[in-house]
Structure formats: structure tokens, C-alpha cells
PDB file of N, CA and C in Angstrom:
ATOM      1  N   MET A   1      91.122  86.642  75.007  1.00  0.00           N
ATOM      2  CA  MET A   1      91.582  87.429  76.140  1.00  0.00           C
ATOM      3  C   MET A   1      91.983  86.490  77.279  1.00  0.00           C
ATOM      4  N   GLN A   2      93.149  86.739  77.853  1.00  0.00           N
ATOM      5  CA  GLN A   2      93.640  85.868  78.911  1.00  0.00           C
ATOM      6  C   GLN A   2      93.012  86.214  80.250  1.00  0.00           C
ATOM      7  N   ARG A   3      92.883  85.193  81.084  1.00  0.00           N
ATOM      8  CA  ARG A   3      92.393  85.405  82.444  1.00  0.00           C
ATOM      9  C   ARG A   3      93.523  85.936  83.315  1.00  0.00           C
ATOM     10  N   ILE A   4      93.149  86.658  84.348  1.00  0.00           N
ATOM     11  CA  ILE A   4      94.139  87.172  85.291  1.00  0.00           C
ATOM     12  C   ILE A   4      94.564  86.026  86.210  1.00  0.00           C
ATOM     13  N   PRO A   5      95.867  85.775  86.348  1.00  0.00           N
ATOM     14  CA  PRO A   5      96.326  84.680  87.215  1.00  0.00           C
ATOM     15  C   PRO A   5      95.896  84.885  88.668  1.00  0.00           C
ATOM     16  N   ARG A   6      95.648  83.785  89.344  1.00  0.00           N
ATOM     17  CA  ARG A   6      95.197  83.861  90.742  1.00  0.00           C
ATOM     18  C   ARG A   6      96.249  84.470  91.655  1.00  0.00           C
ATOM     19  N   ASP A   7      97.508  84.228  91.361  1.00  0.00           N
ATOM     20  CA  ASP A   7      98.578  84.818  92.180  1.00  0.00           C
ATOM     21  C   ASP A   7      98.510  86.343  92.138  1.00  0.00           C
ATOM     22  N   LEU A   8      98.272  86.881  90.950  1.00  0.00           N
ATOM     23  CA  LEU A   8      98.194  88.328  90.801  1.00  0.00           C
ATOM     24  C   LEU A   8      96.966  88.876  91.517  1.00  0.00           C
ATOM     25  N   LEU A   9      95.841  88.193  91.408  1.00  0.00           N
ATOM     26  CA  LEU A   9      94.634  88.629  92.110  1.00  0.00           C
ATOM     27  C   LEU A   9      94.837  88.607  93.622  1.00  0.00           C
ATOM     28  N   ALA A  10      95.529  87.593  94.107  1.00  0.00           N
ATOM     29  CA  ALA A  10      95.797  87.510  95.545  1.00  0.00           C
ATOM     30  C   ALA A  10      96.677  88.675  96.000  1.00  0.00           C
ATOM     31  N   LEU A  11      97.698  89.001  95.223  1.00  0.00           N
ATOM     32  CA  LEU A  11      98.566  90.126  95.576  1.00  0.00           C
ATOM     33  C   LEU A  11      97.798  91.445  95.581  1.00  0.00           C
ATOM     34  N   LEU A  12      96.922  91.633  94.602  1.00  0.00           N
ATOM     35  CA  LEU A  12      96.136  92.864  94.543  1.00  0.00           C
ATOM     36  C   LEU A  12      95.175  92.962  95.722  1.00  0.00           C
ATOM     37  N   PHE A  13      94.573  91.846  96.103  1.00  0.00           N
ATOM     38  CA  PHE A  13      93.650  91.844  97.237  1.00  0.00           C
ATOM     39  C   PHE A  13      94.388  92.159  98.537  1.00  0.00           C
ATOM     40  N   ILE A  14      95.566  91.574  98.703  1.00  0.00           N
ATOM     41  CA  ILE A  14      96.372  91.846  99.896  1.00  0.00           C
ATOM     42  C   ILE A  14      96.785  93.318  99.935  1.00  0.00           C
ATOM     43  N   ALA A  15      97.145  93.881  98.785  1.00  0.00           N
ATOM     44  CA  ALA A  15      97.512  95.299  98.738  1.00  0.00           C
ATOM     45  C   ALA A  15      96.328  96.183  99.101  1.00  0.00           C
ATOM     46  N   TYR A  16      95.134  95.810  98.635  1.00  0.00           N
ATOM     47  CA  TYR A  16      93.932  96.587  98.948  1.00  0.00           C
ATOM     48  C   TYR A  16      93.650  96.569 100.446  1.00  0.00           C
ATOM     49  N   LEU A  17      93.767  95.392 101.062  1.00  0.00           N
ATOM     50  CA  LEU A  17      93.567  95.298 102.508  1.00  0.00           C
ATOM     51  C   LEU A  17      94.647  96.067 103.273  1.00  0.00           C
ATOM     52  N   PHE A  18      95.870  96.030 102.769  1.00  0.00           N
ATOM     53  CA  PHE A  18      96.970  96.748 103.407  1.00  0.00           C
ATOM     54  C   PHE A  18      96.719  98.256 103.404  1.00  0.00           C
ATOM     55  N   VAL A  19      96.218  98.774 102.286  1.00  0.00           N
ATOM     56  CA  VAL A  19      95.925 100.208 102.201  1.00  0.00           C
ATOM     57  C   VAL A  19      94.864 100.592 103.223  1.00  0.00           C
ATOM     58  N   TRP A  20      93.808  99.783 103.336  1.00  0.00           N
ATOM     59  CA  TRP A  20      92.769 100.054 104.337  1.00  0.00           C
ATOM     60  C   TRP A  20      93.355 100.019 105.742  1.00  0.00           C
ATOM     61  N   LEU A  21      94.185  99.021 106.029  1.00  0.00           N
ATOM     62  CA  LEU A  21      94.782  98.880 107.353  1.00  0.00           C
ATOM     63  C   LEU A  21      95.635 100.093 107.710  1.00  0.00           C
ATOM     64  N   VAL A  22      96.452 100.545 106.776  1.00  0.00           N
ATOM     65  CA  VAL A  22      97.315 101.701 107.031  1.00  0.00           C
ATOM     66  C   VAL A  22      96.480 102.940 107.329  1.00  0.00           C
ATOM     67  N   PHE A  23      95.416 103.138 106.564  1.00  0.00           N
ATOM     68  CA  PHE A  23      94.589 104.317 106.792  1.00  0.00           C
ATOM     69  C   PHE A  23      93.866 104.252 108.135  1.00  0.00           C
ATOM     70  N   PHE A  24      93.423 103.070 108.539  1.00  0.00           N
ATOM     71  CA  PHE A  24      92.762 102.945 109.837  1.00  0.00           C
ATOM     72  C   PHE A  24      93.744 103.136 110.992  1.00  0.00           C
ATOM     73  N   VAL A  25      94.927 102.562 110.876  1.00  0.00           N
ATOM     74  CA  VAL A  25      95.914 102.641 111.956  1.00  0.00           C
ATOM     75  C   VAL A  25      96.415 104.074 112.134  1.00  0.00           C
ATOM     76  N   THR A  26      96.614 104.784 111.040  1.00  0.00           N
ATOM     77  CA  THR A  26      97.140 106.147 111.139  1.00  0.00           C
ATOM     78  C   THR A  26      96.072 107.165 111.518  1.00  0.00           C
ATOM     79  N   GLY A  27      94.808 106.774 111.522  1.00  0.00           N
ATOM     80  CA  GLY A  27      93.741 107.697 111.893  1.00  0.00           C
ATOM     81  C   GLY A  27      93.449 108.746 110.842  1.00  0.00           C
ATOM     82  N   SER A  28      93.699 108.430 109.595  1.00  0.00           N
ATOM     83  CA  SER A  28      93.495 109.391 108.511  1.00  0.00           C
ATOM     84  C   SER A  28      92.026 109.640 108.198  1.00  0.00           C
ATOM     85  N   PHE A  29      91.122 108.872 108.792  1.00  0.00           N
ATOM     86  CA  PHE A  29      89.706 108.981 108.462  1.00  0.00           C
ATOM     87  C   PHE A  29      88.946 109.962 109.341  1.00  0.00           C
ATOM     88  N   LYS A  30      89.570 110.463 110.383  1.00  0.00           N
ATOM     89  CA  LYS A  30      88.837 111.272 111.360  1.00  0.00           C
ATOM     90  C   LYS A  30      88.277 112.543 110.727  1.00  0.00           C
ATOM     91  N   GLY A  31      86.956 112.693 110.786  1.00  0.00           N
ATOM     92  CA  GLY A  31      86.298 113.902 110.322  1.00  0.00           C
ATOM     93  C   GLY A  31      86.212 114.075 108.820  1.00  0.00           C
ATOM     94  N   ALA A  32      86.573 113.074 108.063  1.00  0.00           N
ATOM     95  CA  ALA A  32      86.541 113.188 106.603  1.00  0.00           C
ATOM     96  C   ALA A  32      85.240 112.608 106.059  1.00  0.00           C
ATOM     97  N   PRO A  33      84.701 113.207 104.998  1.00  0.00           N
ATOM     98  CA  PRO A  33      83.495 112.634 104.385  1.00  0.00           C
ATOM     99  C   PRO A  33      83.814 111.318 103.678  1.00  0.00           C
ATOM    100  N   LEU A  34      82.798 110.482 103.539  1.00  0.00           N
ATOM    101  CA  LEU A  34      82.989 109.149 102.965  1.00  0.00           C
ATOM    102  C   LEU A  34      83.547 109.200 101.548  1.00  0.00           C
ATOM    103  N   LEU A  35      83.064 110.125 100.742  1.00  0.00           N
ATOM    104  CA  LEU A  35      83.530 110.212  99.357  1.00  0.00           C
ATOM    105  C   LEU A  35      85.019 110.551  99.289  1.00  0.00           C
ATOM    106  N   ALA A  36      85.481 111.419 100.167  1.00  0.00           N
ATOM    107  CA  ALA A  36      86.906 111.763 100.201  1.00  0.00           C
ATOM    108  C   ALA A  36      87.746 110.565 100.636  1.00  0.00           C
ATOM    109  N   ILE A  37      87.240 109.815 101.609  1.00  0.00           N
ATOM    110  CA  ILE A  37      87.953 108.623 102.079  1.00  0.00           C
ATOM    111  C   ILE A  37      88.099 107.617 100.950  1.00  0.00           C
ATOM    112  N   LEU A  38      87.000 107.325 100.273  1.00  0.00           N
ATOM    113  CA  LEU A  38      87.041 106.342  99.185  1.00  0.00           C
ATOM    114  C   LEU A  38      87.922 106.815  98.038  1.00  0.00           C
ATOM    115  N   GLY A  39      87.878 108.093  97.739  1.00  0.00           N
ATOM    116  CA  GLY A  39      88.711 108.622  96.660  1.00  0.00           C
ATOM    117  C   GLY A  39      90.193 108.458  96.942  1.00  0.00           C
ATOM    118  N   VAL A  40      90.609 108.850  98.133  1.00  0.00           N
ATOM    119  CA  VAL A  40      92.025 108.738  98.498  1.00  0.00           C
ATOM    120  C   VAL A  40      92.451 107.278  98.562  1.00  0.00           C
ATOM    121  N   LEU A  41      91.616 106.435  99.167  1.00  0.00           N
ATOM    122  CA  LEU A  41      91.955 105.012  99.271  1.00  0.00           C
ATOM    123  C   LEU A  41      92.161 104.379  97.905  1.00  0.00           C
ATOM    124  N   HIS A  42      91.275 104.685  96.985  1.00  0.00           N
ATOM    125  CA  HIS A  42      91.381 104.037  95.685  1.00  0.00           C
ATOM    126  C   HIS A  42      92.535 104.590  94.855  1.00  0.00           C
ATOM    127  N   ILE A  43      92.857 105.854  95.025  1.00  0.00           N
ATOM    128  CA  ILE A  43      94.033 106.392  94.327  1.00  0.00           C
ATOM    129  C   ILE A  43      95.304 105.728  94.852  1.00  0.00           C
ATOM    130  N   VAL A  44      95.422 105.616  96.168  1.00  0.00           N
ATOM    131  CA  VAL A  44      96.597 104.953  96.754  1.00  0.00           C
ATOM    132  C   VAL A  44      96.646 103.493  96.328  1.00  0.00           C
ATOM    133  N   PHE A  45      95.483 102.820  96.324  1.00  0.00           N
ATOM    134  CA  PHE A  45      95.458 101.423  95.906  1.00  0.00           C
ATOM    135  C   PHE A  45      95.867 101.278  94.445  1.00  0.00           C
ATOM    136  N   LEU A  46      95.414 102.166  93.581  1.00  0.00           N
ATOM    137  CA  LEU A  46      95.787 102.076  92.166  1.00  0.00           C
ATOM    138  C   LEU A  46      97.290 102.233  91.978  1.00  0.00           C
ATOM    139  N   ILE A  47      97.913 103.067  92.795  1.00  0.00           N
ATOM    140  CA  ILE A  47      99.372 103.206  92.718  1.00  0.00           C
ATOM    141  C   ILE A  47     100.042 101.896  93.131  1.00  0.00           C
ATOM    142  N   PHE A  48      99.607 101.312  94.276  1.00  0.00           N
ATOM    143  CA  PHE A  48     100.149 100.020  94.703  1.00  0.00           C
ATOM    144  C   PHE A  48      99.893  98.946  93.649  1.00  0.00           C
ATOM    145  N   ALA A  49      98.684  98.907  93.113  1.00  0.00           N
ATOM    146  CA  ALA A  49      98.328  97.890  92.122  1.00  0.00           C
ATOM    147  C   ALA A  49      99.184  98.040  90.870  1.00  0.00           C
ATOM    148  N   GLY A  50      99.453  99.263  90.483  1.00  0.00           N
ATOM    149  CA  GLY A  50     100.310  99.485  89.316  1.00  0.00           C
ATOM    150  C   GLY A  50     101.704  98.922  89.528  1.00  0.00           C
ATOM    151  N   PHE A  51     102.274  99.171  90.702  1.00  0.00           N
ATOM    152  CA  PHE A  51     103.596  98.611  90.997  1.00  0.00           C
ATOM    153  C   PHE A  51     103.559  97.084  91.015  1.00  0.00           C
ATOM    154  N   ILE A  52     102.528  96.514  91.607  1.00  0.00           N
ATOM    155  CA  ILE A  52     102.425  95.055  91.676  1.00  0.00           C
ATOM    156  C   ILE A  52     102.317  94.456  90.286  1.00  0.00           C
ATOM    157  N   VAL A  53     101.494  95.037  89.431  1.00  0.00           N
ATOM    158  CA  VAL A  53     101.332  94.514  88.071  1.00  0.00           C
ATOM    159  C   VAL A  53     102.641  94.632  87.301  1.00  0.00           C
ATOM    160  N   VAL A  54     103.331  95.758  87.423  1.00  0.00           N
ATOM    161  CA  VAL A  54     104.602  95.932  86.712  1.00  0.00           C
ATOM    162  C   VAL A  54     105.624  94.910  87.186  1.00  0.00           C
ATOM    163  N   PHE A  55     105.773  94.743  88.502  1.00  0.00           N
ATOM    164  CA  PHE A  55     106.738  93.768  89.006  1.00  0.00           C
ATOM    165  C   PHE A  55     106.334  92.343  88.650  1.00  0.00           C
ATOM    166  N   TYR A  56     105.035  92.069  88.621  1.00  0.00           N
ATOM    167  CA  TYR A  56     104.558  90.738  88.237  1.00  0.00           C
ATOM    168  C   TYR A  56     104.916  90.446  86.783  1.00  0.00           C
ATOM    169  N   LEU A  57     104.742  91.430  85.924  1.00  0.00           N
ATOM    170  CA  LEU A  57     105.047  91.224  84.507  1.00  0.00           C
ATOM    171  C   LEU A  57     106.547  91.144  84.251  1.00  0.00           C
ATOM    172  N   LEU A  58     107.344  91.782  85.087  1.00  0.00           N
ATOM    173  CA  LEU A  58     108.795  91.738  84.909  1.00  0.00           C
ATOM    174  C   LEU A  58     109.442  90.498  85.528  1.00  0.00           C
ATOM    175  N   ALA A  59     108.703  89.781  86.372  1.00  0.00           N
ATOM    176  CA  ALA A  59     109.269  88.607  87.038  1.00  0.00           C
ATOM    177  C   ALA A  59     109.448  87.461  86.044  1.00  0.00           C
ATOM    178  N   PRO A  60     110.532  86.704  86.188  1.00  0.00           N
ATOM    179  CA  PRO A  60     110.713  85.529  85.325  1.00  0.00           C
ATOM    180  C   PRO A  60     109.613  84.498  85.581  1.00  0.00           C
ATOM    181  N   LEU A  61     109.247  83.761  84.559  1.00  0.00           N
ATOM    182  CA  LEU A  61     108.169  82.780  84.688  1.00  0.00           C
ATOM    183  C   LEU A  61     108.496  81.692  85.700  1.00  0.00           C
ATOM    184  N   ASP A  62     109.764  81.362  85.863  1.00  0.00           N
ATOM    185  CA  ASP A  62     110.138  80.330  86.837  1.00  0.00           C
ATOM    186  C   ASP A  62     109.793  80.757  88.258  1.00  0.00           C
ATOM    187  N   ASP A  63     109.912  82.041  88.541  1.00  0.00           N
ATOM    188  CA  ASP A  63     109.582  82.535  89.876  1.00  0.00           C
ATOM    189  C   ASP A  63     108.079  82.574  90.108  1.00  0.00           C
ATOM    190  N   ILE A  64     107.304  82.840  89.072  1.00  0.00           N
ATOM    191  CA  ILE A  64     105.853  82.946  89.208  1.00  0.00           C
ATOM    192  C   ILE A  64     105.219  81.569  89.368  1.00  0.00           C
ATOM    193  N   ASN A  65     105.713  80.580  88.644  1.00  0.00           N
ATOM    194  CA  ASN A  65     105.105  79.249  88.625  1.00  0.00           C
ATOM    195  C   ASN A  65     105.757  78.299  89.620  1.00  0.00           C
ATOM    196  N   TRP A  66     106.158  78.779  90.759  1.00  0.00           N
ATOM    197  CA  TRP A  66     106.866  77.938  91.722  1.00  0.00           C
ATOM    198  C   TRP A  66     105.978  76.855  92.296  1.00  0.00           C
ATOM    199  N   LYS A  67     104.657  77.016  92.312  1.00  0.00           N
ATOM    200  CA  LYS A  67     103.764  76.010  92.882  1.00  0.00           C
ATOM    201  C   LYS A  67     103.676  74.760  92.009  1.00  0.00           C
ATOM    202  N   ARG A  68     103.978  74.881  90.749  1.00  0.00           N
ATOM    203  CA  ARG A  68     103.801  73.763  89.814  1.00  0.00           C
ATOM    204  C   ARG A  68     105.004  72.838  89.755  1.00  0.00           C
ATOM    205  N   ARG A  69     106.032  73.111  90.525  1.00  0.00           N
ATOM    206  CA  ARG A  69     107.235  72.263  90.476  1.00  0.00           C
ATOM    207  C   ARG A  69     107.000  70.949  91.163  1.00  0.00           C
TER     208      ARG A  69
END
């Protein structure tokens, strides 16, 4: 089984932080129970993560390995 590349993990972490930031800035948390907040956040994050993984897999290897040049 292959390890997940660090570039992909970094992109996923940034997307996760971005989702939290958007929800805090827009005030979507006001009066909501914690379980509802976590549920919505993780569903939105999974959608972002899915797009990131798909675009990562579709990217040419030359673009992904730019640090090794």
C-alpha cells in the first residue's frame, strides 16, 4: 500500500482549515448544536477533499514533483 504524498496531505489540511474559517467568518455557527456543526463541516470538507484528490490524481507528474527539479 502506498503512502499518501505530503503535498496531498498539505492541500487537504489547508482545505480543512479553509472550511473552518469560512464557517466562522460567515457566522454559520450561531445557535447551532455542536453535533450539527461538526456534521456540516465534515460534509463540506469531504466535498472539498474529493475535488482536491481528483485534481491531484489528474495532474501530470511533472507538475506534482516540481520540488525535486
